[in-house]
Amino acid sequence: MRPIFFRELNSFFSSVIGYVAVLVFLVACWLFLWVLPDYNFLDYGYASLDKFFDMAPWLLMLLIPAVTMRSFADEVKTGTIEWLSTKPLSDTDIILGKYFATLVLIIFALLPTLVYLYSIANLAGTKINLDRGAIIGSYTGLFFLAAGFASVGVFCSSLTSNQVVGFLIALFSCYLLYSGFEGLSKIPSFTGSIEYYLSMLGMQFHYASISRGLIDSRDVIYFLSVIILFIALTRISLAKKAN
């Protein structure tokens, strides 16, 4: 797994791919939170990071498929997936190596956003104590959400040799998993019956739960289950291509 992990990291940071993806994410955050209306910290009037944590999932929904779209699509297109299969590595090693490299890139993208903590605390008219529990919970939820998106993106990349198709499938899948079940639960036919259970199937429900500052084991288990499921599906997808 380690050779694949370092190979992927080197691929991200030895070309413009990783830097452009991170830069686009950070510039988009800056525009939404400091320039454009509605999400603007200055117009919001409260020393809170709530606006960032509301908007970040949607930006990650674009960033992560853009990063993962080449994970296996590029390998299949160039034929290097066959070369990898000759190495003393299992499919699981290859998948996890690529997956963990993607997580490192996501962490690399999220770390600069910590500067918002300092900015918000110093922009307040009076000295305030930010709700550290809620902030830690929100960042934890954001990481689990990003990890879930990454597993979906890696799986979708294994389905095709076309990177653009892989990006679009991953984007649509992440949207369905994050917001689709929440939207489905609001259909009048389901209101008052299975509304709550439909919401629980979506990532948004569990992300919002963790973001309250209380990390519930059920939410953690949900995200881990999603990650394991899509890594297993990726393994099945690669096994079918090998046959």
C-alpha atoms as a PDB file:
ATOM      1  CA  MET A   1       0.000   0.000   0.000  1.00  0.00           C
ATOM      2  CA  ARG A   2       2.801   2.429   0.873  1.00  0.00           C
ATOM      3  CA  PRO A   3       4.331   2.540  -2.637  1.00  0.00           C
ATOM      4  CA  ILE A   4       0.935   3.407  -4.137  1.00  0.00           C
ATOM      5  CA  PHE A   5       0.285   5.981  -1.408  1.00  0.00           C
ATOM      6  CA  PHE A   6       3.576   7.827  -2.034  1.00  0.00           C
ATOM      7  CA  ARG A   7       3.196   7.434  -5.795  1.00  0.00           C
ATOM      8  CA  GLU A   8      -0.199   9.132  -5.657  1.00  0.00           C
ATOM      9  CA  LEU A   9       1.014  11.925  -3.383  1.00  0.00           C
ATOM     10  CA  ASN A  10       3.944  12.545  -5.697  1.00  0.00           C
ATOM     11  CA  SER A  11       1.531  12.611  -8.629  1.00  0.00           C
ATOM     12  CA  PHE A  12      -0.636  15.205  -6.869  1.00  0.00           C
ATOM     13  CA  PHE A  13       2.163  17.543  -5.849  1.00  0.00           C
ATOM     14  CA  SER A  14       4.639  17.097  -8.708  1.00  0.00           C
ATOM     15  CA  SER A  15       2.071  18.448 -11.154  1.00  0.00           C
ATOM     16  CA  VAL A  16      -0.396  21.291 -11.030  1.00  0.00           C
ATOM     17  CA  ILE A  17      -3.372  18.993 -10.360  1.00  0.00           C
ATOM     18  CA  GLY A  18      -3.154  18.972  -6.566  1.00  0.00           C
ATOM     19  CA  TYR A  19      -2.223  22.638  -6.245  1.00  0.00           C
ATOM     20  CA  VAL A  20      -4.943  23.837  -8.619  1.00  0.00           C
ATOM     21  CA  ALA A  21      -7.622  21.769  -6.864  1.00  0.00           C
ATOM     22  CA  VAL A  22      -6.626  23.091  -3.429  1.00  0.00           C
ATOM     23  CA  LEU A  23      -6.260  26.656  -4.713  1.00  0.00           C
ATOM     24  CA  VAL A  24      -9.705  26.608  -6.347  1.00  0.00           C
ATOM     25  CA  PHE A  25     -11.237  25.328  -3.102  1.00  0.00           C
ATOM     26  CA  LEU A  26      -9.547  28.017  -0.986  1.00  0.00           C
ATOM     27  CA  VAL A  27     -10.334  30.843  -3.427  1.00  0.00           C
ATOM     28  CA  ALA A  28     -13.981  29.721  -3.574  1.00  0.00           C
ATOM     29  CA  CYS A  29     -14.115  29.720   0.253  1.00  0.00           C
ATOM     30  CA  TRP A  30     -12.613  33.206   0.342  1.00  0.00           C
ATOM     31  CA  LEU A  31     -15.060  34.564  -2.229  1.00  0.00           C
ATOM     32  CA  PHE A  32     -18.127  33.132  -0.514  1.00  0.00           C
ATOM     33  CA  LEU A  33     -17.095  34.026   3.028  1.00  0.00           C
ATOM     34  CA  TRP A  34     -15.519  37.459   2.554  1.00  0.00           C
ATOM     35  CA  VAL A  35     -16.814  38.926  -0.727  1.00  0.00           C
ATOM     36  CA  LEU A  36     -20.127  37.548  -1.972  1.00  0.00           C
ATOM     37  CA  PRO A  37     -23.405  38.265  -0.108  1.00  0.00           C
ATOM     38  CA  ASP A  38     -25.496  35.761   1.876  1.00  0.00           C
ATOM     39  CA  TYR A  39     -22.510  33.740   3.133  1.00  0.00           C
ATOM     40  CA  ASN A  40     -20.312  36.773   3.851  1.00  0.00           C
ATOM     41  CA  PHE A  41     -18.902  36.833   7.416  1.00  0.00           C
ATOM     42  CA  LEU A  42     -19.008  40.636   7.500  1.00  0.00           C
ATOM     43  CA  ASP A  43     -22.688  40.817   6.524  1.00  0.00           C
ATOM     44  CA  TYR A  44     -23.672  37.950   8.812  1.00  0.00           C
ATOM     45  CA  GLY A  45     -23.167  40.066  11.932  1.00  0.00           C
ATOM     46  CA  TYR A  46     -22.190  37.211  14.249  1.00  0.00           C
ATOM     47  CA  ALA A  47     -18.765  35.876  15.219  1.00  0.00           C
ATOM     48  CA  SER A  48     -19.502  32.345  14.049  1.00  0.00           C
ATOM     49  CA  LEU A  49     -18.133  29.825  11.557  1.00  0.00           C
ATOM     50  CA  ASP A  50     -21.595  28.405  10.840  1.00  0.00           C
ATOM     51  CA  LYS A  51     -21.624  29.896   7.335  1.00  0.00           C
ATOM     52  CA  PHE A  52     -18.356  28.152   6.474  1.00  0.00           C
ATOM     53  CA  PHE A  53     -19.562  24.765   7.690  1.00  0.00           C
ATOM     54  CA  ASP A  54     -22.845  25.185   5.779  1.00  0.00           C
ATOM     55  CA  MET A  55     -21.045  25.975   2.532  1.00  0.00           C
ATOM     56  CA  ALA A  56     -17.951  23.722   2.757  1.00  0.00           C
ATOM     57  CA  PRO A  57     -19.753  20.415   1.930  1.00  0.00           C
ATOM     58  CA  TRP A  58     -20.900  21.814  -1.413  1.00  0.00           C
ATOM     59  CA  LEU A  59     -17.394  22.956  -2.337  1.00  0.00           C
ATOM     60  CA  LEU A  60     -15.920  19.615  -1.251  1.00  0.00           C
ATOM     61  CA  MET A  61     -18.551  17.950  -3.430  1.00  0.00           C
ATOM     62  CA  LEU A  62     -16.813  19.619  -6.388  1.00  0.00           C
ATOM     63  CA  LEU A  63     -13.222  19.379  -5.157  1.00  0.00           C
ATOM     64  CA  ILE A  64     -13.119  15.670  -4.279  1.00  0.00           C
ATOM     65  CA  PRO A  65     -14.566  14.244  -7.527  1.00  0.00           C
ATOM     66  CA  ALA A  66     -12.115  16.507  -9.401  1.00  0.00           C
ATOM     67  CA  VAL A  67      -9.238  14.951  -7.448  1.00  0.00           C
ATOM     68  CA  THR A  68     -10.413  11.331  -7.542  1.00  0.00           C
ATOM     69  CA  MET A  69     -11.586  11.272 -11.180  1.00  0.00           C
ATOM     70  CA  ARG A  70      -8.124  10.211 -12.332  1.00  0.00           C
ATOM     71  CA  SER A  71      -7.528   7.594  -9.612  1.00  0.00           C
ATOM     72  CA  PHE A  72      -8.371   4.577 -11.757  1.00  0.00           C
ATOM     73  CA  ALA A  73      -9.736   6.136 -14.948  1.00  0.00           C
ATOM     74  CA  ASP A  74      -6.250   7.296 -15.889  1.00  0.00           C
ATOM     75  CA  GLU A  75      -4.734   3.914 -14.971  1.00  0.00           C
ATOM     76  CA  VAL A  76      -7.244   2.081 -17.180  1.00  0.00           C
ATOM     77  CA  LYS A  77      -6.832   4.507 -20.081  1.00  0.00           C
ATOM     78  CA  THR A  78      -3.014   4.323 -20.100  1.00  0.00           C
ATOM     79  CA  GLY A  79      -2.904   0.597 -19.347  1.00  0.00           C
ATOM     80  CA  THR A  80      -0.867   1.012 -16.156  1.00  0.00           C
ATOM     81  CA  ILE A  81      -3.575  -0.805 -14.209  1.00  0.00           C
ATOM     82  CA  GLU A  82      -2.312  -4.013 -15.831  1.00  0.00           C
ATOM     83  CA  TRP A  83       1.234  -3.117 -14.789  1.00  0.00           C
ATOM     84  CA  LEU A  84       0.060  -2.598 -11.212  1.00  0.00           C
ATOM     85  CA  SER A  85      -1.631  -6.002 -11.225  1.00  0.00           C
ATOM     86  CA  THR A  86       1.771  -7.648 -11.885  1.00  0.00           C
ATOM     87  CA  LYS A  87       3.232  -6.131  -8.721  1.00  0.00           C
ATOM     88  CA  PRO A  88       3.092  -7.918  -5.351  1.00  0.00           C
ATOM     89  CA  LEU A  89       0.127  -5.761  -4.344  1.00  0.00           C
ATOM     90  CA  SER A  90      -3.463  -6.776  -3.775  1.00  0.00           C
ATOM     91  CA  ASP A  91      -6.365  -4.775  -5.173  1.00  0.00           C
ATOM     92  CA  THR A  92      -7.093  -3.631  -1.626  1.00  0.00           C
ATOM     93  CA  ASP A  93      -3.541  -2.278  -1.254  1.00  0.00           C
ATOM     94  CA  ILE A  94      -3.876  -0.317  -4.487  1.00  0.00           C
ATOM     95  CA  ILE A  95      -7.295   1.072  -3.551  1.00  0.00           C
ATOM     96  CA  LEU A  96      -6.303   2.057  -0.009  1.00  0.00           C
ATOM     97  CA  GLY A  97      -3.061   3.638  -1.223  1.00  0.00           C
ATOM     98  CA  LYS A  98      -4.979   5.874  -3.615  1.00  0.00           C
ATOM     99  CA  TYR A  99      -7.720   6.528  -1.074  1.00  0.00           C
ATOM    100  CA  PHE A 100      -5.392   7.612   1.760  1.00  0.00           C
ATOM    101  CA  ALA A 101      -3.409   9.827  -0.616  1.00  0.00           C
ATOM    102  CA  THR A 102      -6.679  11.582  -1.465  1.00  0.00           C
ATOM    103  CA  LEU A 103      -7.397  12.061   2.254  1.00  0.00           C
ATOM    104  CA  VAL A 104      -4.002  13.702   2.750  1.00  0.00           C
ATOM    105  CA  LEU A 105      -4.769  16.140  -0.065  1.00  0.00           C
ATOM    106  CA  ILE A 106      -8.146  16.925   1.530  1.00  0.00           C
ATOM    107  CA  ILE A 107      -6.485  17.633   4.899  1.00  0.00           C
ATOM    108  CA  PHE A 108      -3.962  19.822   3.053  1.00  0.00           C
ATOM    109  CA  ALA A 109      -6.910  21.791   1.618  1.00  0.00           C
ATOM    110  CA  LEU A 110      -8.744  22.125   4.959  1.00  0.00           C
ATOM    111  CA  LEU A 111      -5.793  23.197   7.120  1.00  0.00           C
ATOM    112  CA  PRO A 112      -5.572  26.781   5.744  1.00  0.00           C
ATOM    113  CA  THR A 113      -9.239  27.331   6.649  1.00  0.00           C
ATOM    114  CA  LEU A 114      -8.206  27.301  10.322  1.00  0.00           C
ATOM    115  CA  VAL A 115      -7.169  30.916   9.797  1.00  0.00           C
ATOM    116  CA  TYR A 116     -10.898  31.747   9.847  1.00  0.00           C
ATOM    117  CA  LEU A 117     -10.910  30.936  13.582  1.00  0.00           C
ATOM    118  CA  TYR A 118      -8.349  33.651  14.229  1.00  0.00           C
ATOM    119  CA  SER A 119     -10.065  36.102  11.884  1.00  0.00           C
ATOM    120  CA  ILE A 120     -13.524  35.669  13.406  1.00  0.00           C
ATOM    121  CA  ALA A 121     -12.234  35.954  16.977  1.00  0.00           C
ATOM    122  CA  ASN A 122     -10.379  39.183  16.167  1.00  0.00           C
ATOM    123  CA  LEU A 123     -13.124  40.769  14.090  1.00  0.00           C
ATOM    124  CA  ALA A 124     -15.628  40.569  16.953  1.00  0.00           C
ATOM    125  CA  GLY A 125     -16.484  43.885  18.556  1.00  0.00           C
ATOM    126  CA  THR A 126     -15.908  42.466  22.027  1.00  0.00           C
ATOM    127  CA  LYS A 127     -13.679  39.686  23.293  1.00  0.00           C
ATOM    128  CA  ILE A 128     -15.497  36.386  22.769  1.00  0.00           C
ATOM    129  CA  ASN A 129     -14.932  32.741  23.421  1.00  0.00           C
ATOM    130  CA  LEU A 130     -15.815  30.695  20.367  1.00  0.00           C
ATOM    131  CA  ASP A 131     -17.687  27.452  20.941  1.00  0.00           C
ATOM    132  CA  ARG A 132     -14.674  25.159  20.644  1.00  0.00           C
ATOM    133  CA  GLY A 133     -16.761  22.013  21.052  1.00  0.00           C
ATOM    134  CA  ALA A 134     -18.978  22.921  18.104  1.00  0.00           C
ATOM    135  CA  ILE A 135     -15.976  23.934  15.981  1.00  0.00           C
ATOM    136  CA  ILE A 136     -14.090  20.709  16.715  1.00  0.00           C
ATOM    137  CA  GLY A 137     -17.262  18.739  16.015  1.00  0.00           C
ATOM    138  CA  SER A 138     -17.858  20.603  12.756  1.00  0.00           C
ATOM    139  CA  TYR A 139     -14.310  19.989  11.522  1.00  0.00           C
ATOM    140  CA  THR A 140     -14.600  16.343  12.551  1.00  0.00           C
ATOM    141  CA  GLY A 141     -17.881  16.055  10.668  1.00  0.00           C
ATOM    142  CA  LEU A 142     -16.361  17.799   7.653  1.00  0.00           C
ATOM    143  CA  PHE A 143     -13.458  15.343   7.630  1.00  0.00           C
ATOM    144  CA  PHE A 144     -15.749  12.306   7.826  1.00  0.00           C
ATOM    145  CA  LEU A 145     -17.935  13.786   5.099  1.00  0.00           C
ATOM    146  CA  ALA A 146     -14.888  14.391   2.881  1.00  0.00           C
ATOM    147  CA  ALA A 147     -13.649  10.848   3.589  1.00  0.00           C
ATOM    148  CA  GLY A 148     -17.040   9.515   2.488  1.00  0.00           C
ATOM    149  CA  PHE A 149     -16.977  11.622  -0.689  1.00  0.00           C
ATOM    150  CA  ALA A 150     -13.435  10.361  -1.411  1.00  0.00           C
ATOM    151  CA  SER A 151     -14.511   6.716  -1.211  1.00  0.00           C
ATOM    152  CA  VAL A 152     -17.395   7.435  -3.603  1.00  0.00           C
ATOM    153  CA  GLY A 153     -15.057   9.277  -5.973  1.00  0.00           C
ATOM    154  CA  VAL A 154     -12.499   6.460  -6.049  1.00  0.00           C
ATOM    155  CA  PHE A 155     -15.262   3.940  -6.784  1.00  0.00           C
ATOM    156  CA  CYS A 156     -16.747   6.036  -9.597  1.00  0.00           C
ATOM    157  CA  SER A 157     -13.290   6.436 -11.134  1.00  0.00           C
ATOM    158  CA  SER A 158     -12.955   2.650 -11.291  1.00  0.00           C
ATOM    159  CA  LEU A 159     -16.104   2.404 -13.425  1.00  0.00           C
ATOM    160  CA  THR A 160     -14.750   4.228 -16.473  1.00  0.00           C
ATOM    161  CA  SER A 161     -11.603   5.077 -18.414  1.00  0.00           C
ATOM    162  CA  ASN A 162     -12.853   8.630 -19.036  1.00  0.00           C
ATOM    163  CA  GLN A 163     -11.932  11.120 -16.332  1.00  0.00           C
ATOM    164  CA  VAL A 164     -14.744  13.548 -17.149  1.00  0.00           C
ATOM    165  CA  VAL A 165     -17.326  10.770 -16.974  1.00  0.00           C
ATOM    166  CA  GLY A 166     -15.797   9.642 -13.674  1.00  0.00           C
ATOM    167  CA  PHE A 167     -16.060  13.212 -12.338  1.00  0.00           C
ATOM    168  CA  LEU A 168     -19.705  13.569 -13.357  1.00  0.00           C
ATOM    169  CA  ILE A 169     -20.730  10.190 -11.922  1.00  0.00           C
ATOM    170  CA  ALA A 170     -18.923  10.963  -8.650  1.00  0.00           C
ATOM    171  CA  LEU A 171     -20.450  14.454  -8.449  1.00  0.00           C
ATOM    172  CA  PHE A 172     -23.967  13.105  -8.988  1.00  0.00           C
ATOM    173  CA  SER A 173     -23.423  10.230  -6.521  1.00  0.00           C
ATOM    174  CA  CYS A 174     -22.049  12.544  -3.816  1.00  0.00           C
ATOM    175  CA  TYR A 175     -25.000  14.883  -4.305  1.00  0.00           C
ATOM    176  CA  LEU A 176     -27.492  12.034  -3.957  1.00  0.00           C
ATOM    177  CA  LEU A 177     -25.812  10.680  -0.835  1.00  0.00           C
ATOM    178  CA  TYR A 178     -25.509  14.102   0.780  1.00  0.00           C
ATOM    179  CA  SER A 179     -28.742  15.827  -0.163  1.00  0.00           C
ATOM    180  CA  GLY A 180     -30.862  13.303  -2.038  1.00  0.00           C
ATOM    181  CA  PHE A 181     -32.261  11.399   0.932  1.00  0.00           C
ATOM    182  CA  GLU A 182     -32.882  14.663   2.794  1.00  0.00           C
ATOM    183  CA  GLY A 183     -34.881  15.970  -0.167  1.00  0.00           C
ATOM    184  CA  LEU A 184     -36.722  12.662  -0.498  1.00  0.00           C
ATOM    185  CA  SER A 185     -37.755  12.798   3.164  1.00  0.00           C
ATOM    186  CA  LYS A 186     -39.514  16.135   2.564  1.00  0.00           C
ATOM    187  CA  ILE A 187     -41.925  14.675   0.019  1.00  0.00           C
ATOM    188  CA  PRO A 188     -45.414  15.026   1.559  1.00  0.00           C
ATOM    189  CA  SER A 189     -46.119  11.305   1.114  1.00  0.00           C
ATOM    190  CA  PHE A 190     -43.285  10.430   3.504  1.00  0.00           C
ATOM    191  CA  THR A 191     -43.867  13.209   6.056  1.00  0.00           C
ATOM    192  CA  GLY A 192     -44.785  11.812   9.436  1.00  0.00           C
ATOM    193  CA  SER A 193     -44.089   8.191   8.499  1.00  0.00           C
ATOM    194  CA  ILE A 194     -40.600   7.288   7.294  1.00  0.00           C
ATOM    195  CA  GLU A 195     -39.329  10.872   6.999  1.00  0.00           C
ATOM    196  CA  TYR A 196     -36.828  10.491   9.851  1.00  0.00           C
ATOM    197  CA  TYR A 197     -35.460   7.165   8.602  1.00  0.00           C
ATOM    198  CA  LEU A 198     -34.994   8.470   5.069  1.00  0.00           C
ATOM    199  CA  SER A 199     -33.030  11.420   6.457  1.00  0.00           C
ATOM    200  CA  MET A 200     -30.820   9.031   8.408  1.00  0.00           C
ATOM    201  CA  LEU A 201     -29.741   7.345   5.166  1.00  0.00           C
ATOM    202  CA  GLY A 202     -28.159  10.585   3.927  1.00  0.00           C
ATOM    203  CA  MET A 203     -24.788  12.090   4.808  1.00  0.00           C
ATOM    204  CA  GLN A 204     -26.285  15.497   5.567  1.00  0.00           C
ATOM    205  CA  PHE A 205     -28.167  14.159   8.587  1.00  0.00           C
ATOM    206  CA  HIS A 206     -25.039  12.675  10.171  1.00  0.00           C
ATOM    207  CA  TYR A 207     -22.822  15.626   9.238  1.00  0.00           C
ATOM    208  CA  ALA A 208     -25.275  18.009  10.910  1.00  0.00           C
ATOM    209  CA  SER A 209     -25.402  15.716  13.961  1.00  0.00           C
ATOM    210  CA  ILE A 210     -21.615  15.673  14.439  1.00  0.00           C
ATOM    211  CA  SER A 211     -21.416  19.430  13.771  1.00  0.00           C
ATOM    212  CA  ARG A 212     -23.435  20.119  16.905  1.00  0.00           C
ATOM    213  CA  GLY A 213     -20.323  19.260  18.910  1.00  0.00           C
ATOM    214  CA  LEU A 214     -21.444  15.893  20.243  1.00  0.00           C
ATOM    215  CA  ILE A 215     -19.716  13.105  18.335  1.00  0.00           C
ATOM    216  CA  ASP A 216     -22.177  10.213  18.398  1.00  0.00           C
ATOM    217  CA  SER A 217     -20.823   6.730  17.695  1.00  0.00           C
ATOM    218  CA  ARG A 218     -23.805   6.097  15.386  1.00  0.00           C
ATOM    219  CA  ASP A 219     -22.695   8.937  13.102  1.00  0.00           C
ATOM    220  CA  VAL A 220     -19.101   7.679  13.068  1.00  0.00           C
ATOM    221  CA  ILE A 221     -20.275   4.139  12.300  1.00  0.00           C
ATOM    222  CA  TYR A 222     -22.436   5.473   9.462  1.00  0.00           C
ATOM    223  CA  PHE A 223     -19.516   7.232   7.753  1.00  0.00           C
ATOM    224  CA  LEU A 224     -17.170   4.284   8.293  1.00  0.00           C
ATOM    225  CA  SER A 225     -19.819   1.984   6.808  1.00  0.00           C
ATOM    226  CA  VAL A 226     -20.129   4.203   3.714  1.00  0.00           C
ATOM    227  CA  ILE A 227     -16.341   4.256   3.288  1.00  0.00           C
ATOM    228  CA  ILE A 228     -16.004   0.475   3.668  1.00  0.00           C
ATOM    229  CA  LEU A 229     -18.942  -0.121   1.321  1.00  0.00           C
ATOM    230  CA  PHE A 230     -17.507   1.943  -1.528  1.00  0.00           C
ATOM    231  CA  ILE A 231     -13.987   0.605  -1.069  1.00  0.00           C
ATOM    232  CA  ALA A 232     -15.474  -2.915  -1.303  1.00  0.00           C
ATOM    233  CA  LEU A 233     -17.424  -1.902  -4.427  1.00  0.00           C
ATOM    234  CA  THR A 234     -14.220  -0.516  -5.936  1.00  0.00           C
ATOM    235  CA  ARG A 235     -12.505  -3.848  -5.305  1.00  0.00           C
ATOM    236  CA  ILE A 236     -15.375  -5.679  -7.028  1.00  0.00           C
ATOM    237  CA  SER A 237     -15.201  -3.243  -9.962  1.00  0.00           C
ATOM    238  CA  LEU A 238     -11.454  -3.813 -10.416  1.00  0.00           C
ATOM    239  CA  ALA A 239     -11.875  -7.581 -10.127  1.00  0.00           C
ATOM    240  CA  LYS A 240     -14.427  -7.518 -12.955  1.00  0.00           C
ATOM    241  CA  LYS A 241     -12.080  -5.523 -15.185  1.00  0.00           C
ATOM    242  CA  ALA A 242      -9.305  -8.030 -14.544  1.00  0.00           C
ATOM    243  CA  ASN A 243     -11.472 -10.972 -15.691  1.00  0.00           C
END
